[in-house]
Amino acid sequence: MSLVYTNENCVGCNKCIGACSCMGANVQAEKDGKNRIEVDGTKCIACGACFDACKHDAREFCDDTERFFADLAKGERISLLLAPAFKANYPREYEKVLGGLKQV
């Protein structure tokens, strides 16, 4: 399951491909006889560069927050990746947030 996906607004302009730093995360495809760019969820790191590059609002984000907390409640082992900006934006709170998640 990919966190980033292409919606029906895609016109296949390739701007997302140029903006992406992950080789092969954005691939040309054809749907209903029209060119479009699809996201390969196994290569996409969900950095958002394609959102910024797209002028057609053709990218959407699949919010998996509910699944995250459901998996935590079931005792699933989870890896959490945070941008360094998290600590910079929440210098006093980040330890509490991470500690709270770890306790759950």
PDB file of N, CA and C in Angstrom:
ATOM      1  N   MET A   1       0.838  -1.180   0.000  1.00  0.00           N
ATOM      2  CA  MET A   1       0.000   0.000   0.000  1.00  0.00           C
ATOM      3  C   MET A   1       0.884   1.244   0.000  1.00  0.00           C
ATOM      4  N   SER A   2       0.620   2.123  -0.915  1.00  0.00           N
ATOM      5  CA  SER A   2       1.392   3.347  -1.030  1.00  0.00           C
ATOM      6  C   SER A   2       0.698   4.487  -0.297  1.00  0.00           C
ATOM      7  N   LEU A   3       1.472   5.324   0.358  1.00  0.00           N
ATOM      8  CA  LEU A   3       0.889   6.494   1.023  1.00  0.00           C
ATOM      9  C   LEU A   3       0.551   7.594   0.032  1.00  0.00           C
ATOM     10  N   VAL A   4       1.258   7.623  -1.083  1.00  0.00           N
ATOM     11  CA  VAL A   4       1.018   8.630  -2.121  1.00  0.00           C
ATOM     12  C   VAL A   4       0.466   7.920  -3.345  1.00  0.00           C
ATOM     13  N   TYR A   5      -0.552   8.495  -3.942  1.00  0.00           N
ATOM     14  CA  TYR A   5      -1.108   7.893  -5.143  1.00  0.00           C
ATOM     15  C   TYR A   5      -1.579   8.959  -6.120  1.00  0.00           C
ATOM     16  N   THR A   6      -1.779   8.547  -7.358  1.00  0.00           N
ATOM     17  CA  THR A   6      -2.207   9.430  -8.432  1.00  0.00           C
ATOM     18  C   THR A   6      -3.723   9.354  -8.561  1.00  0.00           C
ATOM     19  N   ASN A   7      -4.359  10.522  -8.648  1.00  0.00           N
ATOM     20  CA  ASN A   7      -5.810  10.529  -8.846  1.00  0.00           C
ATOM     21  C   ASN A   7      -6.138  10.792 -10.316  1.00  0.00           C
ATOM     22  N   GLU A   8      -7.381  10.990 -10.613  1.00  0.00           N
ATOM     23  CA  GLU A   8      -7.844  11.137 -12.001  1.00  0.00           C
ATOM     24  C   GLU A   8      -7.452  12.458 -12.660  1.00  0.00           C
ATOM     25  N   ASN A   9      -6.883  13.397 -11.917  1.00  0.00           N
ATOM     26  CA  ASN A   9      -6.484  14.687 -12.497  1.00  0.00           C
ATOM     27  C   ASN A   9      -5.198  14.618 -13.307  1.00  0.00           C
ATOM     28  N   CYS A  10      -4.497  13.508 -13.246  1.00  0.00           N
ATOM     29  CA  CYS A  10      -3.199  13.393 -13.907  1.00  0.00           C
ATOM     30  C   CYS A  10      -3.341  13.513 -15.422  1.00  0.00           C
ATOM     31  N   VAL A  11      -2.476  14.364 -16.001  1.00  0.00           N
ATOM     32  CA  VAL A  11      -2.449  14.539 -17.450  1.00  0.00           C
ATOM     33  C   VAL A  11      -1.154  13.998 -18.060  1.00  0.00           C
ATOM     34  N   GLY A  12      -0.313  13.386 -17.240  1.00  0.00           N
ATOM     35  CA  GLY A  12       0.931  12.794 -17.743  1.00  0.00           C
ATOM     36  C   GLY A  12       1.975  13.804 -18.146  1.00  0.00           C
ATOM     37  N   CYS A  13       2.045  14.931 -17.462  1.00  0.00           N
ATOM     38  CA  CYS A  13       2.991  15.992 -17.847  1.00  0.00           C
ATOM     39  C   CYS A  13       4.432  15.702 -17.439  1.00  0.00           C
ATOM     40  N   ASN A  14       4.648  14.718 -16.574  1.00  0.00           N
ATOM     41  CA  ASN A  14       5.976  14.275 -16.134  1.00  0.00           C
ATOM     42  C   ASN A  14       6.677  15.197 -15.142  1.00  0.00           C
ATOM     43  N   LYS A  15       6.050  16.260 -14.673  1.00  0.00           N
ATOM     44  CA  LYS A  15       6.720  17.152 -13.717  1.00  0.00           C
ATOM     45  C   LYS A  15       7.060  16.431 -12.424  1.00  0.00           C
ATOM     46  N   CYS A  16       6.212  15.504 -12.016  1.00  0.00           N
ATOM     47  CA  CYS A  16       6.482  14.753 -10.784  1.00  0.00           C
ATOM     48  C   CYS A  16       7.718  13.879 -10.938  1.00  0.00           C
ATOM     49  N   ILE A  17       7.925  13.348 -12.127  1.00  0.00           N
ATOM     50  CA  ILE A  17       9.105  12.509 -12.366  1.00  0.00           C
ATOM     51  C   ILE A  17      10.370  13.339 -12.199  1.00  0.00           C
ATOM     52  N   GLY A  18      10.358  14.542 -12.754  1.00  0.00           N
ATOM     53  CA  GLY A  18      11.518  15.425 -12.648  1.00  0.00           C
ATOM     54  C   GLY A  18      11.801  15.877 -11.226  1.00  0.00           C
ATOM     55  N   ALA A  19      10.760  15.989 -10.414  1.00  0.00           N
ATOM     56  CA  ALA A  19      10.917  16.463  -9.036  1.00  0.00           C
ATOM     57  C   ALA A  19      11.316  15.355  -8.069  1.00  0.00           C
ATOM     58  N   CYS A  20      11.104  14.123  -8.457  1.00  0.00           N
ATOM     59  CA  CYS A  20      11.309  12.990  -7.553  1.00  0.00           C
ATOM     60  C   CYS A  20      12.782  12.590  -7.470  1.00  0.00           C
ATOM     61  N   SER A  21      13.253  12.361  -6.247  1.00  0.00           N
ATOM     62  CA  SER A  21      14.637  11.939  -6.054  1.00  0.00           C
ATOM     63  C   SER A  21      14.780  10.417  -5.984  1.00  0.00           C
ATOM     64  N   CYS A  22      13.667   9.693  -6.054  1.00  0.00           N
ATOM     65  CA  CYS A  22      13.700   8.224  -5.976  1.00  0.00           C
ATOM     66  C   CYS A  22      13.475   7.632  -7.359  1.00  0.00           C
ATOM     67  N   MET A  23      14.526   7.135  -7.942  1.00  0.00           N
ATOM     68  CA  MET A  23      14.464   6.542  -9.269  1.00  0.00           C
ATOM     69  C   MET A  23      13.383   5.469  -9.341  1.00  0.00           C
ATOM     70  N   GLY A  24      12.453   5.631 -10.249  1.00  0.00           N
ATOM     71  CA  GLY A  24      11.424   4.635 -10.476  1.00  0.00           C
ATOM     72  C   GLY A  24      10.190   4.753  -9.594  1.00  0.00           C
ATOM     73  N   ALA A  25      10.139   5.755  -8.718  1.00  0.00           N
ATOM     74  CA  ALA A  25       8.966   5.915  -7.850  1.00  0.00           C
ATOM     75  C   ALA A  25       7.775   6.463  -8.631  1.00  0.00           C
ATOM     76  N   ASN A  26       8.043   7.202  -9.688  1.00  0.00           N
ATOM     77  CA  ASN A  26       7.000   7.721 -10.571  1.00  0.00           C
ATOM     78  C   ASN A  26       7.216   7.104 -11.939  1.00  0.00           C
ATOM     79  N   VAL A  27       6.209   6.403 -12.425  1.00  0.00           N
ATOM     80  CA  VAL A  27       6.357   5.696 -13.693  1.00  0.00           C
ATOM     81  C   VAL A  27       5.231   6.049 -14.653  1.00  0.00           C
ATOM     82  N   GLN A  28       5.588   6.155 -15.933  1.00  0.00           N
ATOM     83  CA  GLN A  28       4.580   6.424 -16.951  1.00  0.00           C
ATOM     84  C   GLN A  28       3.701   5.206 -17.136  1.00  0.00           C
ATOM     85  N   ALA A  29       2.426   5.467 -17.294  1.00  0.00           N
ATOM     86  CA  ALA A  29       1.463   4.388 -17.502  1.00  0.00           C
ATOM     87  C   ALA A  29       0.380   4.893 -18.443  1.00  0.00           C
ATOM     88  N   GLU A  30      -0.475   4.005 -18.862  1.00  0.00           N
ATOM     89  CA  GLU A  30      -1.602   4.391 -19.703  1.00  0.00           C
ATOM     90  C   GLU A  30      -2.874   3.867 -19.064  1.00  0.00           C
ATOM     91  N   LYS A  31      -3.863   4.745 -18.981  1.00  0.00           N
ATOM     92  CA  LYS A  31      -5.149   4.346 -18.422  1.00  0.00           C
ATOM     93  C   LYS A  31      -6.234   4.947 -19.289  1.00  0.00           C
ATOM     94  N   ASP A  32      -7.119   4.104 -19.786  1.00  0.00           N
ATOM     95  CA  ASP A  32      -8.200   4.544 -20.670  1.00  0.00           C
ATOM     96  C   ASP A  32      -7.675   5.327 -21.871  1.00  0.00           C
ATOM     97  N   GLY A  33      -6.529   4.880 -22.404  1.00  0.00           N
ATOM     98  CA  GLY A  33      -5.947   5.510 -23.584  1.00  0.00           C
ATOM     99  C   GLY A  33      -5.239   6.827 -23.317  1.00  0.00           C
ATOM    100  N   LYS A  34      -5.079   7.211 -22.049  1.00  0.00           N
ATOM    101  CA  LYS A  34      -4.414   8.474 -21.703  1.00  0.00           C
ATOM    102  C   LYS A  34      -3.141   8.187 -20.918  1.00  0.00           C
ATOM    103  N   ASN A  35      -2.102   8.980 -21.223  1.00  0.00           N
ATOM    104  CA  ASN A  35      -0.860   8.864 -20.457  1.00  0.00           C
ATOM    105  C   ASN A  35      -1.065   9.463 -19.074  1.00  0.00           C
ATOM    106  N   ARG A  36      -0.443   8.836 -18.101  1.00  0.00           N
ATOM    107  CA  ARG A  36      -0.477   9.346 -16.735  1.00  0.00           C
ATOM    108  C   ARG A  36       0.758   8.845 -16.010  1.00  0.00           C
ATOM    109  N   ILE A  37       1.002   9.377 -14.858  1.00  0.00           N
ATOM    110  CA  ILE A  37       2.146   8.971 -14.056  1.00  0.00           C
ATOM    111  C   ILE A  37       1.619   8.303 -12.786  1.00  0.00           C
ATOM    112  N   GLU A  38       2.013   7.059 -12.580  1.00  0.00           N
ATOM    113  CA  GLU A  38       1.587   6.312 -11.403  1.00  0.00           C
ATOM    114  C   GLU A  38       2.716   6.270 -10.381  1.00  0.00           C
ATOM    115  N   VAL A  39       2.375   6.086  -9.130  1.00  0.00           N
ATOM    116  CA  VAL A  39       3.346   5.990  -8.049  1.00  0.00           C
ATOM    117  C   VAL A  39       3.619   4.520  -7.752  1.00  0.00           C
ATOM    118  N   ASP A  40       4.880   4.164  -7.722  1.00  0.00           N
ATOM    119  CA  ASP A  40       5.279   2.822  -7.312  1.00  0.00           C
ATOM    120  C   ASP A  40       5.513   2.883  -5.800  1.00  0.00           C
ATOM    121  N   GLY A  41       4.570   2.364  -5.036  1.00  0.00           N
ATOM    122  CA  GLY A  41       4.614   2.449  -3.585  1.00  0.00           C
ATOM    123  C   GLY A  41       5.790   1.745  -2.942  1.00  0.00           C
ATOM    124  N   THR A  42       6.423   0.838  -3.671  1.00  0.00           N
ATOM    125  CA  THR A  42       7.590   0.153  -3.111  1.00  0.00           C
ATOM    126  C   THR A  42       8.849   1.017  -3.188  1.00  0.00           C
ATOM    127  N   LYS A  43       8.816   2.060  -4.015  1.00  0.00           N
ATOM    128  CA  LYS A  43       9.983   2.930  -4.174  1.00  0.00           C
ATOM    129  C   LYS A  43       9.759   4.332  -3.625  1.00  0.00           C
ATOM    130  N   CYS A  44       8.518   4.748  -3.523  1.00  0.00           N
ATOM    131  CA  CYS A  44       8.177   6.095  -3.051  1.00  0.00           C
ATOM    132  C   CYS A  44       8.482   6.226  -1.557  1.00  0.00           C
ATOM    133  N   ILE A  45       9.124   7.328  -1.170  1.00  0.00           N
ATOM    134  CA  ILE A  45       9.415   7.572   0.247  1.00  0.00           C
ATOM    135  C   ILE A  45       8.473   8.622   0.839  1.00  0.00           C
ATOM    136  N   ALA A  46       7.445   9.016   0.084  1.00  0.00           N
ATOM    137  CA  ALA A  46       6.413   9.959   0.547  1.00  0.00           C
ATOM    138  C   ALA A  46       6.998  11.284   1.015  1.00  0.00           C
ATOM    139  N   CYS A  47       7.970  11.807   0.270  1.00  0.00           N
ATOM    140  CA  CYS A  47       8.606  13.069   0.662  1.00  0.00           C
ATOM    141  C   CYS A  47       7.764  14.290   0.296  1.00  0.00           C
ATOM    142  N   GLY A  48       6.857  14.131  -0.664  1.00  0.00           N
ATOM    143  CA  GLY A  48       5.977  15.233  -1.049  1.00  0.00           C
ATOM    144  C   GLY A  48       6.472  16.098  -2.196  1.00  0.00           C
ATOM    145  N   ALA A  49       7.637  15.794  -2.751  1.00  0.00           N
ATOM    146  CA  ALA A  49       8.169  16.609  -3.852  1.00  0.00           C
ATOM    147  C   ALA A  49       7.227  16.605  -5.052  1.00  0.00           C
ATOM    148  N   CYS A  50       6.566  15.491  -5.315  1.00  0.00           N
ATOM    149  CA  CYS A  50       5.649  15.414  -6.453  1.00  0.00           C
ATOM    150  C   CYS A  50       4.402  16.271  -6.212  1.00  0.00           C
ATOM    151  N   PHE A  51       3.975  16.408  -4.961  1.00  0.00           N
ATOM    152  CA  PHE A  51       2.848  17.291  -4.638  1.00  0.00           C
ATOM    153  C   PHE A  51       3.186  18.724  -5.013  1.00  0.00           C
ATOM    154  N   ASP A  52       4.406  19.144  -4.653  1.00  0.00           N
ATOM    155  CA  ASP A  52       4.840  20.512  -4.945  1.00  0.00           C
ATOM    156  C   ASP A  52       4.974  20.758  -6.439  1.00  0.00           C
ATOM    157  N   ALA A  53       5.424  19.757  -7.180  1.00  0.00           N
ATOM    158  CA  ALA A  53       5.659  19.911  -8.616  1.00  0.00           C
ATOM    159  C   ALA A  53       4.375  19.865  -9.437  1.00  0.00           C
ATOM    160  N   CYS A  54       3.361  19.166  -8.954  1.00  0.00           N
ATOM    161  CA  CYS A  54       2.144  18.944  -9.741  1.00  0.00           C
ATOM    162  C   CYS A  54       1.243  20.171  -9.746  1.00  0.00           C
ATOM    163  N   LYS A  55       0.928  20.651 -10.934  1.00  0.00           N
ATOM    164  CA  LYS A  55       0.047  21.815 -11.100  1.00  0.00           C
ATOM    165  C   LYS A  55      -1.391  21.398 -11.380  1.00  0.00           C
ATOM    166  N   HIS A  56      -1.648  20.086 -11.346  1.00  0.00           N
ATOM    167  CA  HIS A  56      -2.982  19.567 -11.682  1.00  0.00           C
ATOM    168  C   HIS A  56      -3.688  18.927 -10.485  1.00  0.00           C
ATOM    169  N   ASP A  57      -3.075  19.063  -9.303  1.00  0.00           N
ATOM    170  CA  ASP A  57      -3.629  18.430  -8.092  1.00  0.00           C
ATOM    171  C   ASP A  57      -3.902  16.942  -8.320  1.00  0.00           C
ATOM    172  N   ALA A  58      -2.936  16.284  -8.957  1.00  0.00           N
ATOM    173  CA  ALA A  58      -3.115  14.884  -9.317  1.00  0.00           C
ATOM    174  C   ALA A  58      -2.529  13.915  -8.295  1.00  0.00           C
ATOM    175  N   ARG A  59      -2.002  14.424  -7.204  1.00  0.00           N
ATOM    176  CA  ARG A  59      -1.454  13.552  -6.165  1.00  0.00           C
ATOM    177  C   ARG A  59      -2.286  13.677  -4.900  1.00  0.00           C
ATOM    178  N   GLU A  60      -2.465  12.537  -4.260  1.00  0.00           N
ATOM    179  CA  GLU A  60      -3.181  12.501  -2.993  1.00  0.00           C
ATOM    180  C   GLU A  60      -2.402  11.656  -2.011  1.00  0.00           C
ATOM    181  N   PHE A  61      -2.695  11.878  -0.747  1.00  0.00           N
ATOM    182  CA  PHE A  61      -2.018  11.197   0.344  1.00  0.00           C
ATOM    183  C   PHE A  61      -3.016  10.303   1.057  1.00  0.00           C
ATOM    184  N   CYS A  62      -2.664   9.067   1.236  1.00  0.00           N
ATOM    185  CA  CYS A  62      -3.516   8.116   1.947  1.00  0.00           C
ATOM    186  C   CYS A  62      -3.171   8.200   3.436  1.00  0.00           C
ATOM    187  N   ASP A  63      -4.068   8.755   4.218  1.00  0.00           N
ATOM    188  CA  ASP A  63      -3.836   8.932   5.645  1.00  0.00           C
ATOM    189  C   ASP A  63      -4.010   7.579   6.352  1.00  0.00           C
ATOM    190  N   ASP A  64      -2.929   7.059   6.893  1.00  0.00           N
ATOM    191  CA  ASP A  64      -2.983   5.768   7.563  1.00  0.00           C
ATOM    192  C   ASP A  64      -2.921   5.895   9.082  1.00  0.00           C
ATOM    193  N   THR A  65      -3.307   7.049   9.608  1.00  0.00           N
ATOM    194  CA  THR A  65      -3.238   7.288  11.045  1.00  0.00           C
ATOM    195  C   THR A  65      -4.089   6.295  11.826  1.00  0.00           C
ATOM    196  N   GLU A  66      -5.313   6.068  11.377  1.00  0.00           N
ATOM    197  CA  GLU A  66      -6.187   5.125  12.086  1.00  0.00           C
ATOM    198  C   GLU A  66      -5.601   3.714  12.068  1.00  0.00           C
ATOM    199  N   ARG A  67      -5.069   3.313  10.938  1.00  0.00           N
ATOM    200  CA  ARG A  67      -4.445   1.984  10.852  1.00  0.00           C
ATOM    201  C   ARG A  67      -3.242   1.895  11.785  1.00  0.00           C
ATOM    202  N   PHE A  68      -2.464   2.972  11.845  1.00  0.00           N
ATOM    203  CA  PHE A  68      -1.300   3.027  12.725  1.00  0.00           C
ATOM    204  C   PHE A  68      -1.701   2.750  14.171  1.00  0.00           C
ATOM    205  N   PHE A  69      -2.724   3.464  14.664  1.00  0.00           N
ATOM    206  CA  PHE A  69      -3.144   3.279  16.051  1.00  0.00           C
ATOM    207  C   PHE A  69      -3.829   1.921  16.267  1.00  0.00           C
ATOM    208  N   ALA A  70      -4.520   1.430  15.269  1.00  0.00           N
ATOM    209  CA  ALA A  70      -5.132   0.098  15.373  1.00  0.00           C
ATOM    210  C   ALA A  70      -4.050  -0.972  15.475  1.00  0.00           C
ATOM    211  N   ASP A  71      -3.010  -0.840  14.658  1.00  0.00           N
ATOM    212  CA  ASP A  71      -1.900  -1.799  14.722  1.00  0.00           C
ATOM    213  C   ASP A  71      -1.184  -1.720  16.067  1.00  0.00           C
ATOM    214  N   LEU A  72      -1.007  -0.509  16.587  1.00  0.00           N
ATOM    215  CA  LEU A  72      -0.402  -0.358  17.907  1.00  0.00           C
ATOM    216  C   LEU A  72      -1.241  -1.068  18.969  1.00  0.00           C
ATOM    217  N   ALA A  73      -2.551  -0.875  18.894  1.00  0.00           N
ATOM    218  CA  ALA A  73      -3.455  -1.489  19.869  1.00  0.00           C
ATOM    219  C   ALA A  73      -3.397  -3.018  19.809  1.00  0.00           C
ATOM    220  N   LYS A  74      -3.125  -3.557  18.625  1.00  0.00           N
ATOM    221  CA  LYS A  74      -3.027  -5.009  18.459  1.00  0.00           C
ATOM    222  C   LYS A  74      -1.660  -5.558  18.883  1.00  0.00           C
ATOM    223  N   GLY A  75      -0.751  -4.650  19.221  1.00  0.00           N
ATOM    224  CA  GLY A  75       0.576  -5.084  19.633  1.00  0.00           C
ATOM    225  C   GLY A  75       1.543  -5.296  18.485  1.00  0.00           C
ATOM    226  N   GLU A  76       1.190  -4.827  17.305  1.00  0.00           N
ATOM    227  CA  GLU A  76       2.091  -4.948  16.147  1.00  0.00           C
ATOM    228  C   GLU A  76       3.378  -4.166  16.404  1.00  0.00           C
ATOM    229  N   ARG A  77       4.485  -4.711  15.954  1.00  0.00           N
ATOM    230  CA  ARG A  77       5.757  -3.979  16.029  1.00  0.00           C
ATOM    231  C   ARG A  77       5.767  -2.972  14.891  1.00  0.00           C
ATOM    232  N   ILE A  78       6.088  -1.742  15.208  1.00  0.00           N
ATOM    233  CA  ILE A  78       6.015  -0.670  14.223  1.00  0.00           C
ATOM    234  C   ILE A  78       7.311   0.125  14.230  1.00  0.00           C
ATOM    235  N   SER A  79       7.778   0.451  13.044  1.00  0.00           N
ATOM    236  CA  SER A  79       8.908   1.362  12.892  1.00  0.00           C
ATOM    237  C   SER A  79       8.350   2.731  12.569  1.00  0.00           C
ATOM    238  N   LEU A  80       8.909   3.731  13.164  1.00  0.00           N
ATOM    239  CA  LEU A  80       8.437   5.095  12.964  1.00  0.00           C
ATOM    240  C   LEU A  80       9.575   5.928  12.411  1.00  0.00           C
ATOM    241  N   LEU A  81       9.345   6.549  11.280  1.00  0.00           N
ATOM    242  CA  LEU A  81      10.337   7.433  10.678  1.00  0.00           C
ATOM    243  C   LEU A  81       9.854   8.860  10.827  1.00  0.00           C
ATOM    244  N   LEU A  82      10.681   9.693  11.400  1.00  0.00           N
ATOM    245  CA  LEU A  82      10.338  11.108  11.574  1.00  0.00           C
ATOM    246  C   LEU A  82      11.375  11.968  10.881  1.00  0.00           C
ATOM    247  N   ALA A  83      10.903  13.034  10.284  1.00  0.00           N
ATOM    248  CA  ALA A  83      11.819  14.000   9.688  1.00  0.00           C
ATOM    249  C   ALA A  83      12.555  14.720  10.816  1.00  0.00           C
ATOM    250  N   PRO A  84      13.796  15.113  10.580  1.00  0.00           N
ATOM    251  CA  PRO A  84      14.528  15.880  11.598  1.00  0.00           C
ATOM    252  C   PRO A  84      13.785  17.152  12.018  1.00  0.00           C
ATOM    253  N   ALA A  85      12.950  17.661  11.140  1.00  0.00           N
ATOM    254  CA  ALA A  85      12.197  18.869  11.461  1.00  0.00           C
ATOM    255  C   ALA A  85      11.234  18.651  12.621  1.00  0.00           C
ATOM    256  N   PHE A  86      10.851  17.409  12.901  1.00  0.00           N
ATOM    257  CA  PHE A  86       9.947  17.136  14.024  1.00  0.00           C
ATOM    258  C   PHE A  86      10.561  17.637  15.325  1.00  0.00           C
ATOM    259  N   LYS A  87      11.810  17.293  15.541  1.00  0.00           N
ATOM    260  CA  LYS A  87      12.492  17.737  16.770  1.00  0.00           C
ATOM    261  C   LYS A  87      12.674  19.247  16.771  1.00  0.00           C
ATOM    262  N   ALA A  88      12.985  19.813  15.601  1.00  0.00           N
ATOM    263  CA  ALA A  88      13.169  21.265  15.519  1.00  0.00           C
ATOM    264  C   ALA A  88      11.863  22.013  15.772  1.00  0.00           C
ATOM    265  N   ASN A  89      10.754  21.463  15.304  1.00  0.00           N
ATOM    266  CA  ASN A  89       9.462  22.123  15.474  1.00  0.00           C
ATOM    267  C   ASN A  89       8.853  21.898  16.854  1.00  0.00           C
ATOM    268  N   TYR A  90       9.230  20.818  17.513  1.00  0.00           N
ATOM    269  CA  TYR A  90       8.677  20.485  18.834  1.00  0.00           C
ATOM    270  C   TYR A  90       9.811  20.174  19.814  1.00  0.00           C
ATOM    271  N   PRO A  91      10.683  21.140  20.074  1.00  0.00           N
ATOM    272  CA  PRO A  91      11.870  20.853  20.888  1.00  0.00           C
ATOM    273  C   PRO A  91      11.558  20.410  22.316  1.00  0.00           C
ATOM    274  N   ARG A  92      10.448  20.871  22.880  1.00  0.00           N
ATOM    275  CA  ARG A  92      10.103  20.500  24.258  1.00  0.00           C
ATOM    276  C   ARG A  92       9.185  19.286  24.328  1.00  0.00           C
ATOM    277  N   GLU A  93       8.469  19.017  23.235  1.00  0.00           N
ATOM    278  CA  GLU A  93       7.454  17.967  23.263  1.00  0.00           C
ATOM    279  C   GLU A  93       7.876  16.647  22.637  1.00  0.00           C
ATOM    280  N   TYR A  94       8.916  16.670  21.791  1.00  0.00           N
ATOM    281  CA  TYR A  94       9.199  15.476  20.994  1.00  0.00           C
ATOM    282  C   TYR A  94       9.489  14.252  21.853  1.00  0.00           C
ATOM    283  N   GLU A  95      10.171  14.412  22.977  1.00  0.00           N
ATOM    284  CA  GLU A  95      10.473  13.248  23.824  1.00  0.00           C
ATOM    285  C   GLU A  95       9.196  12.660  24.424  1.00  0.00           C
ATOM    286  N   LYS A  96       8.259  13.525  24.804  1.00  0.00           N
ATOM    287  CA  LYS A  96       6.986  13.042  25.356  1.00  0.00           C
ATOM    288  C   LYS A  96       6.191  12.289  24.292  1.00  0.00           C
ATOM    289  N   VAL A  97       6.163  12.831  23.092  1.00  0.00           N
ATOM    290  CA  VAL A  97       5.416  12.187  22.003  1.00  0.00           C
ATOM    291  C   VAL A  97       6.010  10.820  21.695  1.00  0.00           C
ATOM    292  N   LEU A  98       7.309  10.770  21.508  1.00  0.00           N
ATOM    293  CA  LEU A  98       7.954   9.494  21.191  1.00  0.00           C
ATOM    294  C   LEU A  98       7.871   8.513  22.358  1.00  0.00           C
ATOM    295  N   GLY A  99       8.010   9.004  23.584  1.00  0.00           N
ATOM    296  CA  GLY A  99       7.884   8.138  24.749  1.00  0.00           C
ATOM    297  C   GLY A  99       6.482   7.590  24.894  1.00  0.00           C
ATOM    298  N   GLY A 100       5.480   8.443  24.614  1.00  0.00           N
ATOM    299  CA  GLY A 100       4.091   7.998  24.681  1.00  0.00           C
ATOM    300  C   GLY A 100       3.783   6.929  23.645  1.00  0.00           C
ATOM    301  N   LEU A 101       4.283   7.120  22.439  1.00  0.00           N
ATOM    302  CA  LEU A 101       4.075   6.112  21.393  1.00  0.00           C
ATOM    303  C   LEU A 101       4.755   4.802  21.757  1.00  0.00           C
ATOM    304  N   LYS A 102       5.932   4.902  22.337  1.00  0.00           N
ATOM    305  CA  LYS A 102       6.658   3.691  22.711  1.00  0.00           C
ATOM    306  C   LYS A 102       5.906   2.920  23.804  1.00  0.00           C
ATOM    307  N   GLN A 103       5.295   3.642  24.739  1.00  0.00           N
ATOM    308  CA  GLN A 103       4.535   2.984  25.802  1.00  0.00           C
ATOM    309  C   GLN A 103       3.325   2.253  25.265  1.00  0.00           C
ATOM    310  N   VAL A 104       2.675   2.846  24.260  1.00  0.00           N
ATOM    311  CA  VAL A 104       1.497   2.215  23.668  1.00  0.00           C
ATOM    312  C   VAL A 104       1.904   0.929  22.987  1.00  0.00           C
TER     313      VAL A 104
END
